[in-house]
Structures are given as C-alpha cells and as structure tokens.
Amino acid sequence: MTLIACPTCQKKTPWSEENKDRPFCSAKCKLIDLGEWASESYAIPQQTSEEDDIFSEDLVMDPNKSFL
C-alpha cells in the first residue's frame, strides 16, 4: 500500500480507493485546504505577456459605438 503525506497536516495516509478524502487524511483537512483557497491564501501566480498589452488596447470602449 502506498502512503502519502496529507497536504494539510503531513500525516501519512494511504493512497487507495478506501480513502475517500485522498490526498488528504480526513474531511477536516480537506475543508481546511478548501478554506485556504477560498480566502485566497493560496494563489497561482499570473504571468503577463506582450499579448496582454496588445489585446487590452482592443478593449477600450468607444463612446460613439453602441452595443445594444
């Protein structure tokens, strides 16, 4: 049986179909992790590119155009 460390508490837990909370050791650790994402404690860094600058110019609204 393969044991992995719970991402929240680091407790060794089995990686198996019986562990419905995998990769976490329990539902509590799963909810703690979800709360961290919800509070934005975790974030995936965003990288900007030249395309962002090029295409953002297209988003400038023209007051003379109507979208309705």
N, C-alpha and C. Protein backbone atom coordinates (compact mmCIF):
# COMPACT_ATOMS: atom_id res chain seq x y z
N MET A 1 0.84 -1.17 0.00
CA MET A 1 0.00 0.00 0.00
C MET A 1 0.90 1.25 0.00
N THR A 2 0.53 2.21 -0.84
CA THR A 2 1.30 3.45 -0.94
C THR A 2 0.80 4.45 0.10
N LEU A 3 1.72 5.01 0.86
CA LEU A 3 1.38 6.05 1.83
C LEU A 3 1.88 7.40 1.31
N ILE A 4 1.04 8.41 1.48
CA ILE A 4 1.43 9.77 1.09
C ILE A 4 1.22 10.70 2.28
N ALA A 5 1.88 11.84 2.24
CA ALA A 5 1.71 12.84 3.30
C ALA A 5 0.51 13.72 2.98
N CYS A 6 -0.36 13.89 3.95
CA CYS A 6 -1.51 14.77 3.80
C CYS A 6 -1.00 16.19 3.53
N PRO A 7 -1.50 16.87 2.50
CA PRO A 7 -1.01 18.22 2.19
C PRO A 7 -1.25 19.23 3.31
N THR A 8 -2.22 18.97 4.18
CA THR A 8 -2.54 19.92 5.24
C THR A 8 -1.74 19.66 6.52
N CYS A 9 -1.76 18.41 7.01
CA CYS A 9 -1.14 18.12 8.31
C CYS A 9 0.11 17.25 8.22
N GLN A 10 0.42 16.77 7.04
CA GLN A 10 1.60 15.93 6.78
C GLN A 10 1.51 14.52 7.38
N LYS A 11 0.36 14.13 7.93
CA LYS A 11 0.16 12.77 8.45
C LYS A 11 0.19 11.79 7.28
N LYS A 12 0.84 10.66 7.46
CA LYS A 12 0.88 9.63 6.42
C LYS A 12 -0.50 8.99 6.28
N THR A 13 -0.97 8.92 5.05
CA THR A 13 -2.29 8.39 4.78
C THR A 13 -2.24 7.51 3.54
N PRO A 14 -3.06 6.45 3.48
CA PRO A 14 -2.99 5.55 2.33
C PRO A 14 -3.60 6.19 1.07
N TRP A 15 -2.96 5.92 -0.05
CA TRP A 15 -3.50 6.33 -1.35
C TRP A 15 -4.24 5.12 -1.90
N SER A 16 -5.53 5.06 -1.57
CA SER A 16 -6.34 3.93 -2.01
C SER A 16 -7.78 4.39 -2.19
N GLU A 17 -8.57 3.54 -2.84
CA GLU A 17 -9.97 3.87 -3.07
C GLU A 17 -10.77 3.93 -1.77
N GLU A 18 -10.30 3.25 -0.74
CA GLU A 18 -10.99 3.30 0.55
C GLU A 18 -10.88 4.68 1.20
N ASN A 19 -9.82 5.42 0.88
CA ASN A 19 -9.64 6.76 1.44
C ASN A 19 -10.36 7.76 0.54
N LYS A 20 -11.63 8.04 0.87
CA LYS A 20 -12.45 8.91 0.02
C LYS A 20 -11.97 10.37 0.06
N ASP A 21 -11.12 10.73 1.02
CA ASP A 21 -10.63 12.11 1.14
C ASP A 21 -9.25 12.32 0.54
N ARG A 22 -8.71 11.30 -0.13
CA ARG A 22 -7.35 11.41 -0.65
C ARG A 22 -7.20 12.62 -1.55
N PRO A 23 -6.14 13.31 -1.55
CA PRO A 23 -4.87 13.04 -0.91
C PRO A 23 -4.81 13.47 0.55
N PHE A 24 -5.94 13.89 1.09
CA PHE A 24 -5.99 14.33 2.50
C PHE A 24 -6.26 13.14 3.40
N CYS A 25 -5.93 13.29 4.68
CA CYS A 25 -6.14 12.19 5.63
C CYS A 25 -7.57 12.16 6.15
N SER A 26 -8.27 13.29 6.06
CA SER A 26 -9.64 13.36 6.59
C SER A 26 -10.42 14.47 5.90
N ALA A 27 -11.73 14.45 6.13
CA ALA A 27 -12.59 15.51 5.58
C ALA A 27 -12.22 16.86 6.19
N LYS A 28 -11.78 16.85 7.46
CA LYS A 28 -11.39 18.09 8.12
C LYS A 28 -10.21 18.75 7.41
N CYS A 29 -9.19 17.97 7.08
CA CYS A 29 -8.03 18.52 6.37
C CYS A 29 -8.42 19.01 4.98
N LYS A 30 -9.34 18.30 4.35
CA LYS A 30 -9.82 18.71 3.03
C LYS A 30 -10.51 20.08 3.12
N LEU A 31 -11.34 20.28 4.13
CA LEU A 31 -12.04 21.54 4.31
C LEU A 31 -11.09 22.68 4.69
N ILE A 32 -10.07 22.37 5.47
CA ILE A 32 -9.07 23.39 5.81
C ILE A 32 -8.40 23.88 4.53
N ASP A 33 -8.03 22.96 3.64
CA ASP A 33 -7.39 23.31 2.38
C ASP A 33 -8.34 24.13 1.51
N LEU A 34 -9.60 23.74 1.43
CA LEU A 34 -10.58 24.48 0.65
C LEU A 34 -10.73 25.90 1.19
N GLY A 35 -10.73 26.04 2.52
CA GLY A 35 -10.82 27.36 3.13
C GLY A 35 -9.64 28.25 2.79
N GLU A 36 -8.46 27.66 2.68
CA GLU A 36 -7.27 28.43 2.30
C GLU A 36 -7.40 28.97 0.88
N TRP A 37 -7.93 28.14 -0.02
CA TRP A 37 -8.16 28.61 -1.40
C TRP A 37 -9.23 29.69 -1.41
N ALA A 38 -10.32 29.50 -0.65
CA ALA A 38 -11.43 30.45 -0.64
C ALA A 38 -11.01 31.80 -0.07
N SER A 39 -10.12 31.80 0.91
CA SER A 39 -9.66 33.06 1.50
C SER A 39 -8.50 33.67 0.70
N GLU A 40 -8.16 33.03 -0.40
CA GLU A 40 -7.08 33.47 -1.29
C GLU A 40 -5.71 33.45 -0.63
N SER A 41 -5.55 32.58 0.38
CA SER A 41 -4.23 32.38 0.97
C SER A 41 -3.32 31.68 -0.02
N TYR A 42 -3.93 30.81 -0.83
CA TYR A 42 -3.21 30.16 -1.92
C TYR A 42 -3.55 30.90 -3.20
N ALA A 43 -2.60 31.03 -4.07
CA ALA A 43 -2.86 31.65 -5.36
C ALA A 43 -1.89 31.11 -6.38
N ILE A 44 -2.35 30.98 -7.60
CA ILE A 44 -1.50 30.58 -8.69
C ILE A 44 -0.98 31.87 -9.33
N PRO A 45 0.33 32.06 -9.37
CA PRO A 45 0.86 33.32 -9.90
C PRO A 45 0.51 33.49 -11.38
N GLN A 46 0.17 34.71 -11.73
CA GLN A 46 -0.18 35.03 -13.10
C GLN A 46 1.01 35.69 -13.76
N GLN A 47 1.32 35.22 -14.94
CA GLN A 47 2.41 35.82 -15.69
C GLN A 47 1.81 36.65 -16.82
N THR A 48 2.26 37.88 -16.96
CA THR A 48 1.77 38.71 -18.04
C THR A 48 2.63 38.50 -19.27
N SER A 49 2.06 38.79 -20.41
CA SER A 49 2.79 38.63 -21.65
C SER A 49 2.54 39.84 -22.54
N GLU A 50 3.27 39.93 -23.63
CA GLU A 50 3.07 41.02 -24.58
C GLU A 50 1.68 40.96 -25.19
N GLU A 51 1.11 39.76 -25.31
CA GLU A 51 -0.24 39.63 -25.87
C GLU A 51 -1.26 40.36 -25.01
N ASP A 52 -1.07 40.36 -23.68
CA ASP A 52 -1.99 41.07 -22.80
C ASP A 52 -2.04 42.54 -23.16
N ASP A 53 -0.90 43.15 -23.42
CA ASP A 53 -0.83 44.56 -23.76
C ASP A 53 -1.46 44.82 -25.13
N ILE A 54 -1.21 43.94 -26.07
CA ILE A 54 -1.73 44.12 -27.43
C ILE A 54 -3.24 44.04 -27.44
N PHE A 55 -3.80 43.00 -26.81
CA PHE A 55 -5.23 42.79 -26.87
C PHE A 55 -6.00 43.70 -25.93
N SER A 56 -5.38 44.22 -24.89
CA SER A 56 -6.10 45.12 -23.98
C SER A 56 -6.44 46.43 -24.67
N GLU A 57 -5.67 46.82 -25.69
CA GLU A 57 -5.98 48.03 -26.44
C GLU A 57 -7.30 47.88 -27.17
N ASP A 58 -7.65 46.66 -27.58
CA ASP A 58 -8.90 46.42 -28.28
C ASP A 58 -10.11 46.56 -27.35
N LEU A 59 -9.89 46.50 -26.05
CA LEU A 59 -10.99 46.54 -25.09
C LEU A 59 -11.41 47.95 -24.71
N VAL A 60 -10.68 48.95 -25.16
CA VAL A 60 -11.04 50.34 -24.85
C VAL A 60 -12.37 50.64 -25.51
N MET A 61 -13.31 51.11 -24.71
CA MET A 61 -14.65 51.36 -25.24
C MET A 61 -14.70 52.68 -26.00
N ASP A 62 -15.37 52.64 -27.13
CA ASP A 62 -15.58 53.83 -27.94
C ASP A 62 -16.95 54.38 -27.56
N PRO A 63 -17.03 55.61 -27.01
CA PRO A 63 -18.33 56.14 -26.59
C PRO A 63 -19.27 56.36 -27.76
N ASN A 64 -18.76 56.38 -28.99
CA ASN A 64 -19.60 56.60 -30.16
C ASN A 64 -20.25 55.31 -30.66
N LYS A 65 -19.86 54.16 -30.12
CA LYS A 65 -20.42 52.88 -30.53
C LYS A 65 -21.43 52.40 -29.50
N SER A 66 -22.48 51.81 -29.99
CA SER A 66 -23.50 51.26 -29.11
C SER A 66 -23.46 49.74 -29.22
N PHE A 67 -23.56 49.07 -28.09
CA PHE A 67 -23.55 47.61 -28.10
C PHE A 67 -24.97 47.06 -27.93
N LEU A 68 -25.95 47.93 -27.92
CA LEU A 68 -27.34 47.47 -27.74
C LEU A 68 -28.06 47.41 -29.05
